[in-house]
PDB file of N, CA and C in Angstrom:
ATOM      1  N   MET A   1    -120.813 148.408 -65.548  1.00  0.00           N
ATOM      2  CA  MET A   1    -120.529 147.292 -66.620  1.00  0.00           C
ATOM      3  C   MET A   1    -119.855 147.907 -67.799  1.00  0.00           C
ATOM      4  N   VAL A   2    -118.928 147.249 -68.480  1.00  0.00           N
ATOM      5  CA  VAL A   2    -118.415 147.826 -69.801  1.00  0.00           C
ATOM      6  C   VAL A   2    -119.145 146.839 -70.944  1.00  0.00           C
ATOM      7  N   ALA A   3    -119.461 147.779 -71.805  1.00  0.00           N
ATOM      8  CA  ALA A   3    -120.087 146.958 -73.199  1.00  0.00           C
ATOM      9  C   ALA A   3    -118.902 146.226 -73.793  1.00  0.00           C
ATOM     10  N   GLN A   4    -119.225 145.156 -74.436  1.00  0.00           N
ATOM     11  CA  GLN A   4    -118.253 144.449 -75.175  1.00  0.00           C
ATOM     12  C   GLN A   4    -118.431 145.013 -76.683  1.00  0.00           C
ATOM     13  N   VAL A   5    -117.520 145.521 -77.394  1.00  0.00           N
ATOM     14  CA  VAL A   5    -117.406 146.093 -78.512  1.00  0.00           C
ATOM     15  C   VAL A   5    -116.864 145.182 -79.396  1.00  0.00           C
ATOM     16  N   ARG A   6    -117.427 144.793 -80.510  1.00  0.00           N
ATOM     17  CA  ARG A   6    -116.963 143.886 -81.586  1.00  0.00           C
ATOM     18  C   ARG A   6    -116.235 144.762 -82.495  1.00  0.00           C
ATOM     19  N   ASP A   7    -114.938 144.197 -82.821  1.00  0.00           N
ATOM     20  CA  ASP A   7    -113.983 145.010 -83.509  1.00  0.00           C
ATOM     21  C   ASP A   7    -113.223 143.987 -84.433  1.00  0.00           C
ATOM     22  N   THR A   8    -113.626 144.033 -85.774  1.00  0.00           N
ATOM     23  CA  THR A   8    -113.093 143.083 -86.689  1.00  0.00           C
ATOM     24  C   THR A   8    -111.769 143.314 -86.990  1.00  0.00           C
ATOM     25  N   GLY A   9    -111.249 144.514 -86.856  1.00  0.00           N
ATOM     26  CA  GLY A   9    -109.883 144.814 -87.423  1.00  0.00           C
ATOM     27  C   GLY A   9    -110.189 145.330 -88.950  1.00  0.00           C
ATOM     28  N   TRP A  10    -109.125 145.620 -89.503  1.00  0.00           N
ATOM     29  CA  TRP A  10    -109.294 146.130 -90.972  1.00  0.00           C
ATOM     30  C   TRP A  10    -109.304 145.031 -92.007  1.00  0.00           C
ATOM     31  N   PHE A  11    -110.065 145.208 -93.031  1.00  0.00           N
ATOM     32  CA  PHE A  11    -110.340 144.169 -93.930  1.00  0.00           C
ATOM     33  C   PHE A  11    -110.645 145.014 -95.366  1.00  0.00           C
ATOM     34  N   LYS A  12    -110.266 144.131 -96.476  1.00  0.00           N
ATOM     35  CA  LYS A  12    -110.701 144.739 -97.735  1.00  0.00           C
ATOM     36  C   LYS A  12    -111.176 143.588 -98.448  1.00  0.00           C
ATOM     37  N   SER A  13    -111.944 143.793 -99.673  1.00  0.00           N
ATOM     38  CA  SER A  13    -112.723 142.824-100.600  1.00  0.00           C
ATOM     39  C   SER A  13    -111.630 141.729-101.043  1.00  0.00           C
ATOM     40  N   SER A  14    -112.337 140.607-101.088  1.00  0.00           N
ATOM     41  CA  SER A  14    -111.302 139.327-101.512  1.00  0.00           C
ATOM     42  C   SER A  14    -111.090 139.549-102.834  1.00  0.00           C
ATOM     43  N   ARG A  15    -111.788 140.515-103.597  1.00  0.00           N
ATOM     44  CA  ARG A  15    -111.403 140.683-105.038  1.00  0.00           C
ATOM     45  C   ARG A  15    -110.367 141.523-105.243  1.00  0.00           C
ATOM     46  N   SER A  16    -109.964 142.192-104.174  1.00  0.00           N
ATOM     47  CA  SER A  16    -108.765 143.098-104.186  1.00  0.00           C
ATOM     48  C   SER A  16    -107.516 142.473-104.354  1.00  0.00           C
ATOM     49  N   THR A  17    -106.706 142.881-105.371  1.00  0.00           N
ATOM     50  CA  THR A  17    -105.171 142.072-105.529  1.00  0.00           C
ATOM     51  C   THR A  17    -104.254 143.200-105.482  1.00  0.00           C
ATOM     52  N   ALA A  18    -103.046 142.693-105.712  1.00  0.00           N
ATOM     53  CA  ALA A  18    -101.830 143.673-105.481  1.00  0.00           C
ATOM     54  C   ALA A  18    -101.959 144.582-106.887  1.00  0.00           C
ATOM     55  N   ALA A  19    -102.563 143.989-108.006  1.00  0.00           N
ATOM     56  CA  ALA A  19    -102.881 144.967-109.259  1.00  0.00           C
ATOM     57  C   ALA A  19    -103.767 145.825-108.974  1.00  0.00           C
ATOM     58  N   THR A  20    -104.753 145.765-108.363  1.00  0.00           N
ATOM     59  CA  THR A  20    -105.840 146.676-108.019  1.00  0.00           C
ATOM     60  C   THR A  20    -105.388 147.843-107.225  1.00  0.00           C
ATOM     61  N   GLU A  21    -105.540 148.872-107.952  1.00  0.00           N
ATOM     62  CA  GLU A  21    -105.026 150.216-107.128  1.00  0.00           C
ATOM     63  C   GLU A  21    -106.174 150.892-106.415  1.00  0.00           C
ATOM     64  N   ASN A  22    -107.493 150.699-106.896  1.00  0.00           N
ATOM     65  CA  ASN A  22    -108.527 151.502-106.183  1.00  0.00           C
ATOM     66  C   ASN A  22    -109.212 150.781-104.978  1.00  0.00           C
ATOM     67  N   CYS A  23    -108.593 150.719-103.912  1.00  0.00           N
ATOM     68  CA  CYS A  23    -109.360 149.858-102.857  1.00  0.00           C
ATOM     69  C   CYS A  23    -109.363 150.710-101.555  1.00  0.00           C
ATOM     70  N   VAL A  24    -110.538 150.308-100.766  1.00  0.00           N
ATOM     71  CA  VAL A  24    -110.526 150.727 -99.328  1.00  0.00           C
ATOM     72  C   VAL A  24    -110.495 149.610 -98.502  1.00  0.00           C
ATOM     73  N   GLU A  25    -110.229 150.188 -97.125  1.00  0.00           N
ATOM     74  CA  GLU A  25    -110.280 148.930 -96.096  1.00  0.00           C
ATOM     75  C   GLU A  25    -111.483 149.505 -95.370  1.00  0.00           C
ATOM     76  N   VAL A  26    -112.013 148.433 -94.573  1.00  0.00           N
ATOM     77  CA  VAL A  26    -113.187 148.806 -93.723  1.00  0.00           C
ATOM     78  C   VAL A  26    -112.925 148.193 -92.367  1.00  0.00           C
ATOM     79  N   ARG A  27    -113.379 148.802 -91.300  1.00  0.00           N
ATOM     80  CA  ARG A  27    -113.216 148.338 -90.031  1.00  0.00           C
ATOM     81  C   ARG A  27    -114.462 148.604 -89.229  1.00  0.00           C
ATOM     82  N   LEU A  28    -115.085 147.357 -88.772  1.00  0.00           N
ATOM     83  CA  LEU A  28    -116.443 147.295 -88.081  1.00  0.00           C
ATOM     84  C   LEU A  28    -116.344 147.216 -86.704  1.00  0.00           C
ATOM     85  N   THR A  29    -117.236 148.347 -85.847  1.00  0.00           N
ATOM     86  CA  THR A  29    -117.424 147.956 -84.413  1.00  0.00           C
ATOM     87  C   THR A  29    -118.818 148.095 -84.509  1.00  0.00           C
ATOM     88  N   ASP A  30    -119.215 147.905 -83.151  1.00  0.00           N
ATOM     89  CA  ASP A  30    -120.760 147.970 -82.863  1.00  0.00           C
ATOM     90  C   ASP A  30    -121.371 149.163 -83.212  1.00  0.00           C
ATOM     91  N   THR A  31    -120.676 150.266 -83.138  1.00  0.00           N
ATOM     92  CA  THR A  31    -121.303 151.820 -83.270  1.00  0.00           C
ATOM     93  C   THR A  31    -120.695 152.298 -84.406  1.00  0.00           C
ATOM     94  N   THR A  32    -119.740 152.097 -85.150  1.00  0.00           N
ATOM     95  CA  THR A  32    -119.094 152.787 -86.249  1.00  0.00           C
ATOM     96  C   THR A  32    -118.338 151.913 -87.331  1.00  0.00           C
ATOM     97  N   VAL A  33    -118.597 152.246 -88.482  1.00  0.00           N
ATOM     98  CA  VAL A  33    -117.748 151.682 -89.656  1.00  0.00           C
ATOM     99  C   VAL A  33    -116.834 152.674 -90.054  1.00  0.00           C
ATOM    100  N   ARG A  34    -115.636 152.288 -89.997  1.00  0.00           N
ATOM    101  CA  ARG A  34    -114.482 153.194 -90.506  1.00  0.00           C
ATOM    102  C   ARG A  34    -114.005 152.741 -91.970  1.00  0.00           C
ATOM    103  N   VAL A  35    -113.843 153.686 -92.813  1.00  0.00           N
ATOM    104  CA  VAL A  35    -113.327 153.306 -94.168  1.00  0.00           C
ATOM    105  C   VAL A  35    -112.169 154.297 -94.415  1.00  0.00           C
ATOM    106  N   ARG A  36    -111.045 153.445 -95.299  1.00  0.00           N
ATOM    107  CA  ARG A  36    -109.856 154.302 -95.332  1.00  0.00           C
ATOM    108  C   ARG A  36    -109.343 153.979 -96.628  1.00  0.00           C
ATOM    109  N   ASP A  37    -108.410 154.669 -97.332  1.00  0.00           N
ATOM    110  CA  ASP A  37    -107.855 154.447 -98.618  1.00  0.00           C
ATOM    111  C   ASP A  37    -106.505 153.643 -98.418  1.00  0.00           C
ATOM    112  N   THR A  38    -106.562 152.684 -99.151  1.00  0.00           N
ATOM    113  CA  THR A  38    -105.288 151.662 -98.923  1.00  0.00           C
ATOM    114  C   THR A  38    -104.018 152.372 -99.544  1.00  0.00           C
ATOM    115  N   LYS A  39    -104.166 153.214-100.458  1.00  0.00           N
ATOM    116  CA  LYS A  39    -102.973 154.124-100.874  1.00  0.00           C
ATOM    117  C   LYS A  39    -102.679 155.153-100.006  1.00  0.00           C
ATOM    118  N   ASN A  40    -103.427 155.486 -99.070  1.00  0.00           N
ATOM    119  CA  ASN A  40    -102.985 156.561 -97.985  1.00  0.00           C
ATOM    120  C   ASN A  40    -103.599 156.301 -96.826  1.00  0.00           C
ATOM    121  N   ARG A  41    -103.172 155.315 -95.958  1.00  0.00           N
ATOM    122  CA  ARG A  41    -103.930 154.696 -94.680  1.00  0.00           C
ATOM    123  C   ARG A  41    -103.878 156.055 -93.862  1.00  0.00           C
ATOM    124  N   SER A  42    -102.647 156.699 -93.821  1.00  0.00           N
ATOM    125  CA  SER A  42    -102.258 157.839 -92.787  1.00  0.00           C
ATOM    126  C   SER A  42    -103.229 159.273 -93.052  1.00  0.00           C
ATOM    127  N   ALA A  43    -104.034 159.152 -94.088  1.00  0.00           N
ATOM    128  CA  ALA A  43    -104.872 160.368 -94.444  1.00  0.00           C
ATOM    129  C   ALA A  43    -106.083 160.465 -93.612  1.00  0.00           C
ATOM    130  N   GLY A  44    -106.353 159.509 -92.673  1.00  0.00           N
ATOM    131  CA  GLY A  44    -107.566 159.432 -91.871  1.00  0.00           C
ATOM    132  C   GLY A  44    -108.652 158.455 -92.348  1.00  0.00           C
ATOM    133  N   THR A  45    -109.674 158.399 -91.599  1.00  0.00           N
ATOM    134  CA  THR A  45    -110.615 157.528 -92.041  1.00  0.00           C
ATOM    135  C   THR A  45    -112.150 158.537 -92.048  1.00  0.00           C
ATOM    136  N   LEU A  46    -113.234 157.773 -92.741  1.00  0.00           N
ATOM    137  CA  LEU A  46    -114.510 158.121 -92.836  1.00  0.00           C
ATOM    138  C   LEU A  46    -115.218 157.313 -91.741  1.00  0.00           C
ATOM    139  N   ALA A  47    -115.920 157.900 -90.778  1.00  0.00           N
ATOM    140  CA  ALA A  47    -116.614 157.373 -89.922  1.00  0.00           C
ATOM    141  C   ALA A  47    -118.112 157.432 -90.105  1.00  0.00           C
ATOM    142  N   ILE A  48    -118.767 156.224 -90.405  1.00  0.00           N
ATOM    143  CA  ILE A  48    -120.202 156.233 -90.775  1.00  0.00           C
ATOM    144  C   ILE A  48    -121.016 155.298 -89.634  1.00  0.00           C
ATOM    145  N   THR A  49    -122.167 155.440 -89.482  1.00  0.00           N
ATOM    146  CA  THR A  49    -123.066 154.488 -88.817  1.00  0.00           C
ATOM    147  C   THR A  49    -123.115 153.179 -89.567  1.00  0.00           C
ATOM    148  N   PRO A  50    -123.426 152.044 -88.878  1.00  0.00           N
ATOM    149  CA  PRO A  50    -123.705 150.672 -89.407  1.00  0.00           C
ATOM    150  C   PRO A  50    -124.819 151.076 -90.463  1.00  0.00           C
ATOM    151  N   ALA A  51    -125.991 151.663 -89.986  1.00  0.00           N
ATOM    152  CA  ALA A  51    -127.028 151.805 -91.023  1.00  0.00           C
ATOM    153  C   ALA A  51    -126.728 152.333 -92.245  1.00  0.00           C
ATOM    154  N   THR A  52    -125.808 153.538 -92.178  1.00  0.00           N
ATOM    155  CA  THR A  52    -125.496 154.348 -93.283  1.00  0.00           C
ATOM    156  C   THR A  52    -124.493 153.345 -94.201  1.00  0.00           C
ATOM    157  N   TRP A  53    -123.638 152.527 -93.550  1.00  0.00           N
ATOM    158  CA  TRP A  53    -122.952 151.656 -94.242  1.00  0.00           C
ATOM    159  C   TRP A  53    -123.755 150.507 -95.073  1.00  0.00           C
ATOM    160  N   THR A  54    -124.795 150.072 -94.508  1.00  0.00           N
ATOM    161  CA  THR A  54    -125.682 149.045 -95.027  1.00  0.00           C
ATOM    162  C   THR A  54    -126.417 149.662 -96.323  1.00  0.00           C
ATOM    163  N   ALA A  55    -126.771 151.037 -96.012  1.00  0.00           N
ATOM    164  CA  ALA A  55    -127.439 151.560 -97.016  1.00  0.00           C
ATOM    165  C   ALA A  55    -126.534 151.716 -98.265  1.00  0.00           C
ATOM    166  N   LEU A  56    -125.227 152.247 -98.086  1.00  0.00           N
ATOM    167  CA  LEU A  56    -124.278 152.497 -99.195  1.00  0.00           C
ATOM    168  C   LEU A  56    -124.009 151.054 -99.969  1.00  0.00           C
ATOM    169  N   VAL A  57    -123.751 150.123 -99.129  1.00  0.00           N
ATOM    170  CA  VAL A  57    -123.407 148.746 -99.916  1.00  0.00           C
ATOM    171  C   VAL A  57    -124.610 148.224-100.636  1.00  0.00           C
ATOM    172  N   THR A  58    -125.831 148.335-100.120  1.00  0.00           N
ATOM    173  CA  THR A  58    -126.966 148.058-100.694  1.00  0.00           C
ATOM    174  C   THR A  58    -127.175 149.000-102.041  1.00  0.00           C
ATOM    175  N   GLY A  59    -126.818 149.942-101.955  1.00  0.00           N
ATOM    176  CA  GLY A  59    -127.301 151.148-103.011  1.00  0.00           C
ATOM    177  C   GLY A  59    -125.998 150.660-104.125  1.00  0.00           C
ATOM    178  N   ILE A  60    -124.915 150.386-103.850  1.00  0.00           N
ATOM    179  CA  ILE A  60    -123.737 149.948-104.799  1.00  0.00           C
ATOM    180  C   ILE A  60    -124.128 148.778-105.388  1.00  0.00           C
ATOM    181  N   LYS A  61    -124.667 147.578-104.644  1.00  0.00           N
ATOM    182  CA  LYS A  61    -124.868 146.412-105.211  1.00  0.00           C
ATOM    183  C   LYS A  61    -126.346 146.479-106.228  1.00  0.00           C
ATOM    184  N   THR A  62    -127.153 147.521-105.886  1.00  0.00           N
ATOM    185  CA  THR A  62    -128.304 147.388-106.754  1.00  0.00           C
ATOM    186  C   THR A  62    -128.108 148.293-107.827  1.00  0.00           C
ATOM    187  N   ALA A  63    -126.992 149.183-107.951  1.00  0.00           N
ATOM    188  CA  ALA A  63    -126.928 150.202-109.085  1.00  0.00           C
ATOM    189  C   ALA A  63    -126.647 149.683-110.354  1.00  0.00           C
TER     190      ALA A  63
END
């Protein structure tokens, strides 16, 4: 049996605009969250677990 993997494609914040220079894009799957710099997409990605991503976002929101 092949597992179904959820893949959202790359997205960035709705608050991100053409004038905003400091943006990242995020791609979610069932097992990994990938983050990349919009200014240098070919530089690679940071891969973290969904639990780590949740902790990061929660920490940013409560800082």
